[in-house]
PDB file of N, CA and C in Angstrom:
ATOM      1  N   MET A   1      15.783  12.878 -63.419  1.00  0.00           N
ATOM      2  CA  MET A   1      15.747  11.438 -63.535  1.00  0.00           C
ATOM      3  C   MET A   1      15.385  10.817 -62.192  1.00  0.00           C
ATOM      4  N   ILE A   2      14.722   9.685 -62.281  1.00  0.00           N
ATOM      5  CA  ILE A   2      14.413   8.923 -61.080  1.00  0.00           C
ATOM      6  C   ILE A   2      15.032   7.532 -61.216  1.00  0.00           C
ATOM      7  N   LEU A   3      15.210   6.867 -60.105  1.00  0.00           N
ATOM      8  CA  LEU A   3      15.930   5.597 -60.061  1.00  0.00           C
ATOM      9  C   LEU A   3      15.070   4.511 -59.452  1.00  0.00           C
ATOM     10  N   HIS A   4      15.271   3.290 -59.948  1.00  0.00           N
ATOM     11  CA  HIS A   4      14.579   2.123 -59.396  1.00  0.00           C
ATOM     12  C   HIS A   4      15.579   0.985 -59.243  1.00  0.00           C
ATOM     13  N   ILE A   5      15.522   0.305 -58.115  1.00  0.00           N
ATOM     14  CA  ILE A   5      16.390  -0.837 -57.833  1.00  0.00           C
ATOM     15  C   ILE A   5      15.655  -2.112 -58.231  1.00  0.00           C
ATOM     16  N   CYS A   6      16.327  -2.955 -59.006  1.00  0.00           N
ATOM     17  CA  CYS A   6      15.762  -4.266 -59.339  1.00  0.00           C
ATOM     18  C   CYS A   6      16.903  -5.273 -59.443  1.00  0.00           C
ATOM     19  N   THR A   7      16.554  -6.525 -59.583  1.00  0.00           N
ATOM     20  CA  THR A   7      17.588  -7.546 -59.746  1.00  0.00           C
ATOM     21  C   THR A   7      17.922  -7.707 -61.227  1.00  0.00           C
ATOM     22  N   ARG A   8      19.064  -8.286 -61.489  1.00  0.00           N
ATOM     23  CA  ARG A   8      19.451  -8.570 -62.876  1.00  0.00           C
ATOM     24  C   ARG A   8      18.426  -9.486 -63.550  1.00  0.00           C
ATOM     25  N   ASP A   9      17.935 -10.482 -62.813  1.00  0.00           N
ATOM     26  CA  ASP A   9      16.957 -11.419 -63.371  1.00  0.00           C
ATOM     27  C   ASP A   9      15.642 -10.731 -63.713  1.00  0.00           C
ATOM     28  N   GLU A  10      15.185  -9.835 -62.850  1.00  0.00           N
ATOM     29  CA  GLU A  10      13.941  -9.106 -63.138  1.00  0.00           C
ATOM     30  C   GLU A  10      14.070  -8.292 -64.425  1.00  0.00           C
ATOM     31  N   TRP A  11      15.196  -7.593 -64.574  1.00  0.00           N
ATOM     32  CA  TRP A  11      15.388  -6.763 -65.772  1.00  0.00           C
ATOM     33  C   TRP A  11      15.573  -7.629 -67.013  1.00  0.00           C
ATOM     34  N   ALA A  12      16.286  -8.734 -66.894  1.00  0.00           N
ATOM     35  CA  ALA A  12      16.516  -9.621 -68.037  1.00  0.00           C
ATOM     36  C   ALA A  12      15.213 -10.212 -68.566  1.00  0.00           C
ATOM     37  N   ALA A  13      14.203 -10.310 -67.732  1.00  0.00           N
ATOM     38  CA  ALA A  13      12.920 -10.893 -68.142  1.00  0.00           C
ATOM     39  C   ALA A  13      12.044  -9.915 -68.939  1.00  0.00           C
ATOM     40  N   VAL A  14      12.436  -8.646 -69.022  1.00  0.00           N
ATOM     41  CA  VAL A  14      11.631  -7.649 -69.741  1.00  0.00           C
ATOM     42  C   VAL A  14      11.921  -7.755 -71.231  1.00  0.00           C
ATOM     43  N   PRO A  15      10.893  -7.996 -72.048  1.00  0.00           N
ATOM     44  CA  PRO A  15      11.111  -8.059 -73.502  1.00  0.00           C
ATOM     45  C   PRO A  15      11.634  -6.727 -74.042  1.00  0.00           C
ATOM     46  N   GLU A  16      12.355  -6.795 -75.143  1.00  0.00           N
ATOM     47  CA  GLU A  16      12.980  -5.605 -75.735  1.00  0.00           C
ATOM     48  C   GLU A  16      11.982  -4.462 -75.952  1.00  0.00           C
ATOM     49  N   ASP A  17      10.772  -4.766 -76.329  1.00  0.00           N
ATOM     50  CA  ASP A  17       9.760  -3.725 -76.559  1.00  0.00           C
ATOM     51  C   ASP A  17       8.658  -3.792 -75.497  1.00  0.00           C
ATOM     52  N   GLY A  18       8.983  -4.342 -74.339  1.00  0.00           N
ATOM     53  CA  GLY A  18       7.982  -4.582 -73.313  1.00  0.00           C
ATOM     54  C   GLY A  18       7.978  -3.569 -72.194  1.00  0.00           C
ATOM     55  N   GLU A  19       7.335  -3.961 -71.100  1.00  0.00           N
ATOM     56  CA  GLU A  19       7.195  -3.122 -69.925  1.00  0.00           C
ATOM     57  C   GLU A  19       7.722  -3.852 -68.702  1.00  0.00           C
ATOM     58  N   TYR A  20       8.269  -3.089 -67.787  1.00  0.00           N
ATOM     59  CA  TYR A  20       8.760  -3.618 -66.521  1.00  0.00           C
ATOM     60  C   TYR A  20       7.698  -3.381 -65.452  1.00  0.00           C
ATOM     61  N   SER A  21       7.396  -4.411 -64.696  1.00  0.00           N
ATOM     62  CA  SER A  21       6.481  -4.313 -63.567  1.00  0.00           C
ATOM     63  C   SER A  21       7.154  -4.921 -62.349  1.00  0.00           C
ATOM     64  N   ALA A  22       7.501  -4.093 -61.405  1.00  0.00           N
ATOM     65  CA  ALA A  22       8.101  -4.588 -60.160  1.00  0.00           C
ATOM     66  C   ALA A  22       7.074  -5.392 -59.383  1.00  0.00           C
ATOM     67  N   PRO A  23       7.503  -6.323 -58.551  1.00  0.00           N
ATOM     68  CA  PRO A  23       6.555  -7.069 -57.722  1.00  0.00           C
ATOM     69  C   PRO A  23       5.634  -6.154 -56.905  1.00  0.00           C
ATOM     70  N   SER A  24       6.146  -5.003 -56.484  1.00  0.00           N
ATOM     71  CA  SER A  24       5.329  -4.087 -55.672  1.00  0.00           C
ATOM     72  C   SER A  24       4.122  -3.546 -56.426  1.00  0.00           C
ATOM     73  N   LEU A  25       4.183  -3.513 -57.750  1.00  0.00           N
ATOM     74  CA  LEU A  25       3.048  -3.010 -58.522  1.00  0.00           C
ATOM     75  C   LEU A  25       1.808  -3.869 -58.260  1.00  0.00           C
ATOM     76  N   GLY A  26       1.965  -5.175 -58.241  1.00  0.00           N
ATOM     77  CA  GLY A  26       0.849  -6.066 -57.955  1.00  0.00           C
ATOM     78  C   GLY A  26       0.489  -6.116 -56.479  1.00  0.00           C
ATOM     79  N   GLU A  27       1.486  -5.902 -55.618  1.00  0.00           N
ATOM     80  CA  GLU A  27       1.270  -6.010 -54.172  1.00  0.00           C
ATOM     81  C   GLU A  27       0.623  -4.759 -53.568  1.00  0.00           C
ATOM     82  N   ILE A  28       1.139  -3.585 -53.955  1.00  0.00           N
ATOM     83  CA  ILE A  28       0.631  -2.347 -53.337  1.00  0.00           C
ATOM     84  C   ILE A  28       0.203  -1.290 -54.353  1.00  0.00           C
ATOM     85  N   GLY A  29       0.358  -1.582 -55.643  1.00  0.00           N
ATOM     86  CA  GLY A  29      -0.177  -0.684 -56.659  1.00  0.00           C
ATOM     87  C   GLY A  29       0.773   0.317 -57.267  1.00  0.00           C
ATOM     88  N   PHE A  30       2.047   0.300 -56.872  1.00  0.00           N
ATOM     89  CA  PHE A  30       3.002   1.211 -57.496  1.00  0.00           C
ATOM     90  C   PHE A  30       4.415   0.633 -57.456  1.00  0.00           C
ATOM     91  N   VAL A  31       5.286   1.221 -58.272  1.00  0.00           N
ATOM     92  CA  VAL A  31       6.704   0.851 -58.323  1.00  0.00           C
ATOM     93  C   VAL A  31       7.474   1.877 -57.488  1.00  0.00           C
ATOM     94  N   HIS A  32       8.210   1.390 -56.500  1.00  0.00           N
ATOM     95  CA  HIS A  32       9.032   2.265 -55.655  1.00  0.00           C
ATOM     96  C   HIS A  32      10.198   2.818 -56.466  1.00  0.00           C
ATOM     97  N   CYS A  33      10.444   4.108 -56.354  1.00  0.00           N
ATOM     98  CA  CYS A  33      11.609   4.724 -56.989  1.00  0.00           C
ATOM     99  C   CYS A  33      12.240   5.705 -55.999  1.00  0.00           C
ATOM    100  N   SER A  34      13.361   6.262 -56.408  1.00  0.00           N
ATOM    101  CA  SER A  34      14.098   7.237 -55.603  1.00  0.00           C
ATOM    102  C   SER A  34      14.688   8.271 -56.539  1.00  0.00           C
ATOM    103  N   ASP A  35      15.300   9.272 -55.951  1.00  0.00           N
ATOM    104  CA  ASP A  35      16.100  10.194 -56.744  1.00  0.00           C
ATOM    105  C   ASP A  35      17.565   9.939 -56.387  1.00  0.00           C
ATOM    106  N   PRO A  36      18.493  10.527 -57.108  1.00  0.00           N
ATOM    107  CA  PRO A  36      19.901  10.241 -56.813  1.00  0.00           C
ATOM    108  C   PRO A  36      20.316  10.536 -55.375  1.00  0.00           C
ATOM    109  N   GLY A  37      19.707  11.524 -54.753  1.00  0.00           N
ATOM    110  CA  GLY A  37      20.077  11.879 -53.384  1.00  0.00           C
ATOM    111  C   GLY A  37      19.508  10.982 -52.314  1.00  0.00           C
ATOM    112  N   THR A  38      18.480  10.200 -52.643  1.00  0.00           N
ATOM    113  CA  THR A  38      17.837   9.370 -51.615  1.00  0.00           C
ATOM    114  C   THR A  38      17.922   7.877 -51.880  1.00  0.00           C
ATOM    115  N   VAL A  39      18.488   7.461 -52.994  1.00  0.00           N
ATOM    116  CA  VAL A  39      18.465   6.036 -53.347  1.00  0.00           C
ATOM    117  C   VAL A  39      19.161   5.152 -52.320  1.00  0.00           C
ATOM    118  N   SER A  40      20.149   5.690 -51.628  1.00  0.00           N
ATOM    119  CA  SER A  40      20.851   4.861 -50.639  1.00  0.00           C
ATOM    120  C   SER A  40      19.977   4.545 -49.424  1.00  0.00           C
ATOM    121  N   VAL A  41      18.941   5.345 -49.157  1.00  0.00           N
ATOM    122  CA  VAL A  41      18.073   5.097 -47.996  1.00  0.00           C
ATOM    123  C   VAL A  41      17.350   3.759 -48.148  1.00  0.00           C
ATOM    124  N   PRO A  42      16.530   3.564 -49.194  1.00  0.00           N
ATOM    125  CA  PRO A  42      15.875   2.257 -49.327  1.00  0.00           C
ATOM    126  C   PRO A  42      16.849   1.148 -49.711  1.00  0.00           C
ATOM    127  N   ALA A  43      17.885   1.494 -50.461  1.00  0.00           N
ATOM    128  CA  ALA A  43      18.845   0.469 -50.884  1.00  0.00           C
ATOM    129  C   ALA A  43      19.461  -0.231 -49.685  1.00  0.00           C
ATOM    130  N   ASN A  44      19.906   0.542 -48.714  1.00  0.00           N
ATOM    131  CA  ASN A  44      20.569  -0.054 -47.561  1.00  0.00           C
ATOM    132  C   ASN A  44      19.586  -0.608 -46.539  1.00  0.00           C
ATOM    133  N   ALA A  45      18.391  -0.068 -46.494  1.00  0.00           N
ATOM    134  CA  ALA A  45      17.376  -0.598 -45.580  1.00  0.00           C
ATOM    135  C   ALA A  45      16.874  -1.964 -46.053  1.00  0.00           C
ATOM    136  N   LEU A  46      16.793  -2.151 -47.367  1.00  0.00           N
ATOM    137  CA  LEU A  46      16.190  -3.368 -47.910  1.00  0.00           C
ATOM    138  C   LEU A  46      17.173  -4.345 -48.561  1.00  0.00           C
ATOM    139  N   TYR A  47      18.276  -3.843 -49.115  1.00  0.00           N
ATOM    140  CA  TYR A  47      19.125  -4.686 -49.962  1.00  0.00           C
ATOM    141  C   TYR A  47      20.602  -4.706 -49.570  1.00  0.00           C
ATOM    142  N   ARG A  48      20.957  -4.170 -48.442  1.00  0.00           N
ATOM    143  CA  ARG A  48      22.369  -4.078 -48.062  1.00  0.00           C
ATOM    144  C   ARG A  48      23.063  -5.429 -48.232  1.00  0.00           C
ATOM    145  N   GLY A  49      24.213  -5.406 -48.905  1.00  0.00           N
ATOM    146  CA  GLY A  49      25.024  -6.601 -49.100  1.00  0.00           C
ATOM    147  C   GLY A  49      24.682  -7.418 -50.329  1.00  0.00           C
ATOM    148  N   ARG A  50      23.563  -7.143 -50.983  1.00  0.00           N
ATOM    149  CA  ARG A  50      23.184  -7.935 -52.163  1.00  0.00           C
ATOM    150  C   ARG A  50      24.076  -7.592 -53.336  1.00  0.00           C
ATOM    151  N   THR A  51      24.392  -8.599 -54.120  1.00  0.00           N
ATOM    152  CA  THR A  51      25.311  -8.424 -55.247  1.00  0.00           C
ATOM    153  C   THR A  51      24.633  -8.627 -56.605  1.00  0.00           C
ATOM    154  N   ASP A  52      23.319  -8.784 -56.617  1.00  0.00           N
ATOM    155  CA  ASP A  52      22.602  -9.073 -57.859  1.00  0.00           C
ATOM    156  C   ASP A  52      21.726  -7.905 -58.320  1.00  0.00           C
ATOM    157  N   LEU A  53      22.082  -6.691 -57.927  1.00  0.00           N
ATOM    158  CA  LEU A  53      21.205  -5.550 -58.169  1.00  0.00           C
ATOM    159  C   LEU A  53      21.630  -4.673 -59.345  1.00  0.00           C
ATOM    160  N   LEU A  54      20.614  -4.051 -59.928  1.00  0.00           N
ATOM    161  CA  LEU A  54      20.799  -3.029 -60.954  1.00  0.00           C
ATOM    162  C   LEU A  54      20.074  -1.778 -60.487  1.00  0.00           C
ATOM    163  N   LEU A  55      20.505  -0.660 -61.010  1.00  0.00           N
ATOM    164  CA  LEU A  55      19.845   0.604 -60.755  1.00  0.00           C
ATOM    165  C   LEU A  55      19.381   1.140 -62.105  1.00  0.00           C
ATOM    166  N   LEU A  56      18.053   1.188 -62.289  1.00  0.00           N
ATOM    167  CA  LEU A  56      17.485   1.686 -63.531  1.00  0.00           C
ATOM    168  C   LEU A  56      17.336   3.196 -63.440  1.00  0.00           C
ATOM    169  N   GLU A  57      17.836   3.899 -64.436  1.00  0.00           N
ATOM    170  CA  GLU A  57      17.651   5.342 -64.518  1.00  0.00           C
ATOM    171  C   GLU A  57      16.470   5.587 -65.449  1.00  0.00           C
ATOM    172  N   ILE A  58      15.446   6.227 -64.922  1.00  0.00           N
ATOM    173  CA  ILE A  58      14.182   6.389 -65.636  1.00  0.00           C
ATOM    174  C   ILE A  58      13.925   7.866 -65.910  1.00  0.00           C
ATOM    175  N   ASP A  59      13.565   8.167 -67.150  1.00  0.00           N
ATOM    176  CA  ASP A  59      13.174   9.524 -67.517  1.00  0.00           C
ATOM    177  C   ASP A  59      11.673   9.647 -67.258  1.00  0.00           C
ATOM    178  N   PRO A  60      11.266  10.411 -66.246  1.00  0.00           N
ATOM    179  CA  PRO A  60       9.839  10.478 -65.912  1.00  0.00           C
ATOM    180  C   PRO A  60       8.973  11.070 -67.030  1.00  0.00           C
ATOM    181  N   THR A  61       9.567  11.821 -67.944  1.00  0.00           N
ATOM    182  CA  THR A  61       8.777  12.367 -69.052  1.00  0.00           C
ATOM    183  C   THR A  61       8.415  11.292 -70.061  1.00  0.00           C
ATOM    184  N   ARG A  62       9.079  10.139 -69.992  1.00  0.00           N
ATOM    185  CA  ARG A  62       8.781   9.020 -70.888  1.00  0.00           C
ATOM    186  C   ARG A  62       7.873   7.974 -70.248  1.00  0.00           C
ATOM    187  N   VAL A  63       7.558   8.154 -68.977  1.00  0.00           N
ATOM    188  CA  VAL A  63       6.708   7.199 -68.254  1.00  0.00           C
ATOM    189  C   VAL A  63       5.252   7.531 -68.556  1.00  0.00           C
ATOM    190  N   GLU A  64       4.518   6.543 -69.034  1.00  0.00           N
ATOM    191  CA  GLU A  64       3.111   6.759 -69.363  1.00  0.00           C
ATOM    192  C   GLU A  64       2.214   6.664 -68.135  1.00  0.00           C
ATOM    193  N   SER A  65       2.668   5.984 -67.110  1.00  0.00           N
ATOM    194  CA  SER A  65       1.897   5.853 -65.872  1.00  0.00           C
ATOM    195  C   SER A  65       2.079   7.107 -65.015  1.00  0.00           C
ATOM    196  N   ARG A  66       1.200   7.264 -64.057  1.00  0.00           N
ATOM    197  CA  ARG A  66       1.239   8.410 -63.151  1.00  0.00           C
ATOM    198  C   ARG A  66       2.442   8.297 -62.212  1.00  0.00           C
ATOM    199  N   VAL A  67       3.188   9.395 -62.053  1.00  0.00           N
ATOM    200  CA  VAL A  67       4.319   9.474 -61.126  1.00  0.00           C
ATOM    201  C   VAL A  67       3.931  10.454 -60.020  1.00  0.00           C
ATOM    202  N   VAL A  68       3.976   9.981 -58.764  1.00  0.00           N
ATOM    203  CA  VAL A  68       3.587  10.798 -57.620  1.00  0.00           C
ATOM    204  C   VAL A  68       4.712  10.768 -56.591  1.00  0.00           C
ATOM    205  N   TRP A  69       5.096  11.946 -56.096  1.00  0.00           N
ATOM    206  CA  TRP A  69       6.106  12.035 -55.040  1.00  0.00           C
ATOM    207  C   TRP A  69       5.386  11.962 -53.697  1.00  0.00           C
ATOM    208  N   GLU A  70       5.741  10.923 -52.900  1.00  0.00           N
ATOM    209  CA  GLU A  70       5.052  10.663 -51.647  1.00  0.00           C
ATOM    210  C   GLU A  70       6.042  10.244 -50.563  1.00  0.00           C
ATOM    211  N   ALA A  71       5.583  10.315 -49.323  1.00  0.00           N
ATOM    212  CA  ALA A  71       6.400   9.847 -48.207  1.00  0.00           C
ATOM    213  C   ALA A  71       6.605   8.342 -48.338  1.00  0.00           C
ATOM    214  N   GLY A  72       7.781   7.898 -47.955  1.00  0.00           N
ATOM    215  CA  GLY A  72       8.071   6.470 -47.972  1.00  0.00           C
ATOM    216  C   GLY A  72       7.388   5.792 -46.799  1.00  0.00           C
ATOM    217  N   ALA A  73       7.464   4.485 -46.769  1.00  0.00           N
ATOM    218  CA  ALA A  73       6.849   3.737 -45.673  1.00  0.00           C
ATOM    219  C   ALA A  73       7.937   3.015 -44.908  1.00  0.00           C
ATOM    220  N   PRO A  74       8.051   3.126 -43.609  1.00  0.00           N
ATOM    221  CA  PRO A  74       7.220   4.037 -42.809  1.00  0.00           C
ATOM    222  C   PRO A  74       7.593   5.484 -43.114  1.00  0.00           C
ATOM    223  N   PRO A  75       6.706   6.441 -42.855  1.00  0.00           N
ATOM    224  CA  PRO A  75       7.037   7.839 -43.167  1.00  0.00           C
ATOM    225  C   PRO A  75       8.355   8.239 -42.519  1.00  0.00           C
ATOM    226  N   HIS A  76       9.175   8.912 -43.283  1.00  0.00           N
ATOM    227  CA  HIS A  76      10.485   9.346 -42.793  1.00  0.00           C
ATOM    228  C   HIS A  76      10.329  10.657 -42.031  1.00  0.00           C
ATOM    229  N   PRO A  77      10.886  10.737 -40.844  1.00  0.00           N
ATOM    230  CA  PRO A  77      10.703  11.933 -40.015  1.00  0.00           C
ATOM    231  C   PRO A  77      11.278  13.202 -40.637  1.00  0.00           C
ATOM    232  N   ASP A  78      12.249  13.053 -41.519  1.00  0.00           N
ATOM    233  CA  ASP A  78      12.860  14.246 -42.115  1.00  0.00           C
ATOM    234  C   ASP A  78      12.132  14.689 -43.387  1.00  0.00           C
ATOM    235  N   GLY A  79      10.982  14.103 -43.672  1.00  0.00           N
ATOM    236  CA  GLY A  79      10.159  14.556 -44.789  1.00  0.00           C
ATOM    237  C   GLY A  79      10.624  14.129 -46.167  1.00  0.00           C
ATOM    238  N   ILE A  80      11.418  13.077 -46.266  1.00  0.00           N
ATOM    239  CA  ILE A  80      11.880  12.610 -47.569  1.00  0.00           C
ATOM    240  C   ILE A  80      10.692  12.114 -48.384  1.00  0.00           C
ATOM    241  N   LEU A  81      10.601  12.590 -49.626  1.00  0.00           N
ATOM    242  CA  LEU A  81       9.580  12.115 -50.552  1.00  0.00           C
ATOM    243  C   LEU A  81      10.238  11.246 -51.610  1.00  0.00           C
ATOM    244  N   PHE A  82       9.509  10.222 -52.041  1.00  0.00           N
ATOM    245  CA  PHE A  82      10.003   9.304 -53.055  1.00  0.00           C
ATOM    246  C   PHE A  82       9.032   9.274 -54.230  1.00  0.00           C
ATOM    247  N   PRO A  83       9.551   9.148 -55.460  1.00  0.00           N
ATOM    248  CA  PRO A  83       8.647   9.012 -56.600  1.00  0.00           C
ATOM    249  C   PRO A  83       8.094   7.592 -56.675  1.00  0.00           C
ATOM    250  N   HIS A  84       6.793   7.492 -56.797  1.00  0.00           N
ATOM    251  CA  HIS A  84       6.115   6.204 -56.968  1.00  0.00           C
ATOM    252  C   HIS A  84       5.453   6.218 -58.338  1.00  0.00           C
ATOM    253  N   ILE A  85       5.636   5.142 -59.095  1.00  0.00           N
ATOM    254  CA  ILE A  85       5.063   5.037 -60.433  1.00  0.00           C
ATOM    255  C   ILE A  85       3.873   4.084 -60.354  1.00  0.00           C
ATOM    256  N   TYR A  86       2.694   4.614 -60.672  1.00  0.00           N
ATOM    257  CA  TYR A  86       1.442   3.861 -60.544  1.00  0.00           C
ATOM    258  C   TYR A  86       1.099   3.142 -61.839  1.00  0.00           C
ATOM    259  N   GLY A  87       1.944   2.215 -62.226  1.00  0.00           N
ATOM    260  CA  GLY A  87       1.729   1.412 -63.413  1.00  0.00           C
ATOM    261  C   GLY A  87       3.055   0.878 -63.912  1.00  0.00           C
ATOM    262  N   PRO A  88       3.025   0.093 -64.977  1.00  0.00           N
ATOM    263  CA  PRO A  88       4.264  -0.466 -65.518  1.00  0.00           C
ATOM    264  C   PRO A  88       5.123   0.627 -66.155  1.00  0.00           C
ATOM    265  N   ILE A  89       6.393   0.306 -66.324  1.00  0.00           N
ATOM    266  CA  ILE A  89       7.364   1.237 -66.910  1.00  0.00           C
ATOM    267  C   ILE A  89       7.783   0.687 -68.262  1.00  0.00           C
ATOM    268  N   SER A  90       7.506   1.427 -69.322  1.00  0.00           N
ATOM    269  CA  SER A  90       7.923   0.963 -70.648  1.00  0.00           C
ATOM    270  C   SER A  90       9.445   0.968 -70.712  1.00  0.00           C
ATOM    271  N   ARG A  91       9.973   0.007 -71.413  1.00  0.00           N
ATOM    272  CA  ARG A  91      11.433  -0.142 -71.490  1.00  0.00           C
ATOM    273  C   ARG A  91      12.090   1.108 -72.066  1.00  0.00           C
ATOM    274  N   ASN A  92      11.390   1.820 -72.954  1.00  0.00           N
ATOM    275  CA  ASN A  92      12.014   3.013 -73.541  1.00  0.00           C
ATOM    276  C   ASN A  92      12.065   4.191 -72.575  1.00  0.00           C
ATOM    277  N   ALA A  93      11.408   4.097 -71.410  1.00  0.00           N
ATOM    278  CA  ALA A  93      11.528   5.124 -70.383  1.00  0.00           C
ATOM    279  C   ALA A  93      12.811   4.953 -69.571  1.00  0.00           C
ATOM    280  N   VAL A  94      13.419   3.764 -69.663  1.00  0.00           N
ATOM    281  CA  VAL A  94      14.663   3.478 -68.943  1.00  0.00           C
ATOM    282  C   VAL A  94      15.833   3.921 -69.834  1.00  0.00           C
ATOM    283  N   VAL A  95      16.503   4.985 -69.410  1.00  0.00           N
ATOM    284  CA  VAL A  95      17.561   5.565 -70.244  1.00  0.00           C
ATOM    285  C   VAL A  95      18.944   4.990 -69.963  1.00  0.00           C
ATOM    286  N   SER A  96      19.114   4.352 -68.800  1.00  0.00           N
ATOM    287  CA  SER A  96      20.356   3.635 -68.542  1.00  0.00           C
ATOM    288  C   SER A  96      20.131   2.575 -67.477  1.00  0.00           C
ATOM    289  N   VAL A  97      20.944   1.534 -67.555  1.00  0.00           N
ATOM    290  CA  VAL A  97      20.908   0.428 -66.605  1.00  0.00           C
ATOM    291  C   VAL A  97      22.313   0.343 -66.008  1.00  0.00           C
ATOM    292  N   ASN A  98      22.399   0.461 -64.702  1.00  0.00           N
ATOM    293  CA  ASN A  98      23.686   0.543 -64.025  1.00  0.00           C
ATOM    294  C   ASN A  98      23.851  -0.588 -63.022  1.00  0.00           C
ATOM    295  N   ASP A  99      25.032  -1.181 -62.987  1.00  0.00           N
ATOM    296  CA  ASP A  99      25.327  -2.139 -61.927  1.00  0.00           C
ATOM    297  C   ASP A  99      25.237  -1.401 -60.600  1.00  0.00           C
ATOM    298  N   PHE A 100      24.781  -2.090 -59.561  1.00  0.00           N
ATOM    299  CA  PHE A 100      24.603  -1.477 -58.249  1.00  0.00           C
ATOM    300  C   PHE A 100      25.214  -2.387 -57.186  1.00  0.00           C
ATOM    301  N   PRO A 101      26.549  -2.507 -57.218  1.00  0.00           N
ATOM    302  CA  PRO A 101      27.211  -3.415 -56.279  1.00  0.00           C
ATOM    303  C   PRO A 101      27.435  -2.756 -54.915  1.00  0.00           C
ATOM    304  N   PRO A 102      27.482  -3.569 -53.875  1.00  0.00           N
ATOM    305  CA  PRO A 102      27.804  -3.023 -52.553  1.00  0.00           C
ATOM    306  C   PRO A 102      29.306  -2.774 -52.447  1.00  0.00           C
ATOM    307  N   ASP A 103      29.684  -1.905 -51.500  1.00  0.00           N
ATOM    308  CA  ASP A 103      31.109  -1.717 -51.244  1.00  0.00           C
ATOM    309  C   ASP A 103      31.606  -2.879 -50.377  1.00  0.00           C
ATOM    310  N   ALA A 104      32.838  -2.832 -49.950  1.00  0.00           N
ATOM    311  CA  ALA A 104      33.441  -3.933 -49.194  1.00  0.00           C
ATOM    312  C   ALA A 104      32.694  -4.227 -47.889  1.00  0.00           C
ATOM    313  N   ASP A 105      31.998  -3.214 -47.354  1.00  0.00           N
ATOM    314  CA  ASP A 105      31.253  -3.399 -46.106  1.00  0.00           C
ATOM    315  C   ASP A 105      29.777  -3.710 -46.338  1.00  0.00           C
ATOM    316  N   GLY A 106      29.386  -3.879 -47.612  1.00  0.00           N
ATOM    317  CA  GLY A 106      28.010  -4.216 -47.930  1.00  0.00           C
ATOM    318  C   GLY A 106      27.086  -3.040 -48.195  1.00  0.00           C
ATOM    319  N   TRP A 107      27.595  -1.814 -48.071  1.00  0.00           N
ATOM    320  CA  TRP A 107      26.770  -0.621 -48.260  1.00  0.00           C
ATOM    321  C   TRP A 107      26.575  -0.324 -49.745  1.00  0.00           C
ATOM    322  N   LEU A 108      25.376   0.103 -50.084  1.00  0.00           N
ATOM    323  CA  LEU A 108      25.050   0.483 -51.461  1.00  0.00           C
ATOM    324  C   LEU A 108      25.058   1.999 -51.567  1.00  0.00           C
ATOM    325  N   LYS A 109      25.805   2.492 -52.544  1.00  0.00           N
ATOM    326  CA  LYS A 109      25.942   3.933 -52.755  1.00  0.00           C
ATOM    327  C   LYS A 109      25.676   4.238 -54.215  1.00  0.00           C
ATOM    328  N   LEU A 110      25.214   5.446 -54.481  1.00  0.00           N
ATOM    329  CA  LEU A 110      24.966   5.879 -55.848  1.00  0.00           C
ATOM    330  C   LEU A 110      26.222   5.651 -56.676  1.00  0.00           C
ATOM    331  N   PRO A 111      26.110   4.927 -57.801  1.00  0.00           N
ATOM    332  CA  PRO A 111      27.293   4.694 -58.638  1.00  0.00           C
ATOM    333  C   PRO A 111      27.895   6.010 -59.127  1.00  0.00           C
ATOM    334  N   GLU A 112      29.198   6.032 -59.205  1.00  0.00           N
ATOM    335  CA  GLU A 112      29.891   7.247 -59.644  1.00  0.00           C
ATOM    336  C   GLU A 112      29.414   7.697 -61.020  1.00  0.00           C
ATOM    337  N   SER A 113      29.071   6.744 -61.891  1.00  0.00           N
ATOM    338  CA  SER A 113      28.604   7.095 -63.237  1.00  0.00           C
ATOM    339  C   SER A 113      27.360   7.974 -63.193  1.00  0.00           C
ATOM    340  N   LEU A 114      26.554   7.848 -62.144  1.00  0.00           N
ATOM    341  CA  LEU A 114      25.362   8.672 -61.984  1.00  0.00           C
ATOM    342  C   LEU A 114      25.625   9.914 -61.141  1.00  0.00           C
ATOM    343  N   SER A 115      26.542   9.824 -60.194  1.00  0.00           N
ATOM    344  CA  SER A 115      26.786  10.948 -59.284  1.00  0.00           C
ATOM    345  C   SER A 115      27.546  12.084 -59.948  1.00  0.00           C
ATOM    346  N   VAL A 116      28.276  11.802 -61.023  1.00  0.00           N
ATOM    347  CA  VAL A 116      29.048  12.863 -61.669  1.00  0.00           C
ATOM    348  C   VAL A 116      28.301  13.526 -62.818  1.00  0.00           C
ATOM    349  N   ARG A 117      27.103  13.064 -63.126  1.00  0.00           N
ATOM    350  CA  ARG A 117      26.325  13.680 -64.204  1.00  0.00           C
ATOM    351  C   ARG A 117      25.973  15.105 -63.869  1.00  0.00           C
ATOM    352  N   GLY A 118      26.070  15.949 -64.854  1.00  0.00           N
ATOM    353  CA  GLY A 118      25.679  17.336 -64.683  1.00  0.00           C
ATOM    354  C   GLY A 118      26.692  18.178 -63.943  1.00  0.00           C
ATOM    355  N   THR A 119      27.838  17.616 -63.558  1.00  0.00           N
ATOM    356  CA  THR A 119      28.836  18.403 -62.854  1.00  0.00           C
ATOM    357  C   THR A 119      29.933  18.881 -63.784  1.00  0.00           C
ATOM    358  N   ALA A 120      29.927  18.418 -65.019  1.00  0.00           N
ATOM    359  CA  ALA A 120      30.994  18.830 -65.946  1.00  0.00           C
ATOM    360  C   ALA A 120      30.639  20.132 -66.635  1.00  0.00           C
TER     361      ALA A 120
END
C-alpha cells in the first residue's frame, strides 16, 4: 500500500464515483505519495502542526495511472524513494481514509491503525 496526505476538504470534494487529483498533479505532473515507513518525512517537512489532514491508503494495483518510485525533492541523501502517481486516482483505489492528527508537539506520525497492519 502507498499513502497520500490531503486535507479533509480536498477529499470531501471527490465525487463518490470520481477521481482525486492533488494540486501537484496540475503543477508538476504527479501526485506525491509515501509508504508507511517514509510518510512522516514529507508530513513533518510540509504539514507539521496541521489539524485538517487525512492519510489516504491507496492500493497501487487499483491505480490506473502510472506509479513510479523516485527520489523526493530535494533528493534525500539517504536514497529514500517515494511513489509518484502520474495521473488522477480513482476513488475505488483508495482502500481507507485515516485521520492524520499531529501529536501534542505538532509532529505527524503514522496512525496506529496503519502501523499495526500485518503484525497480527
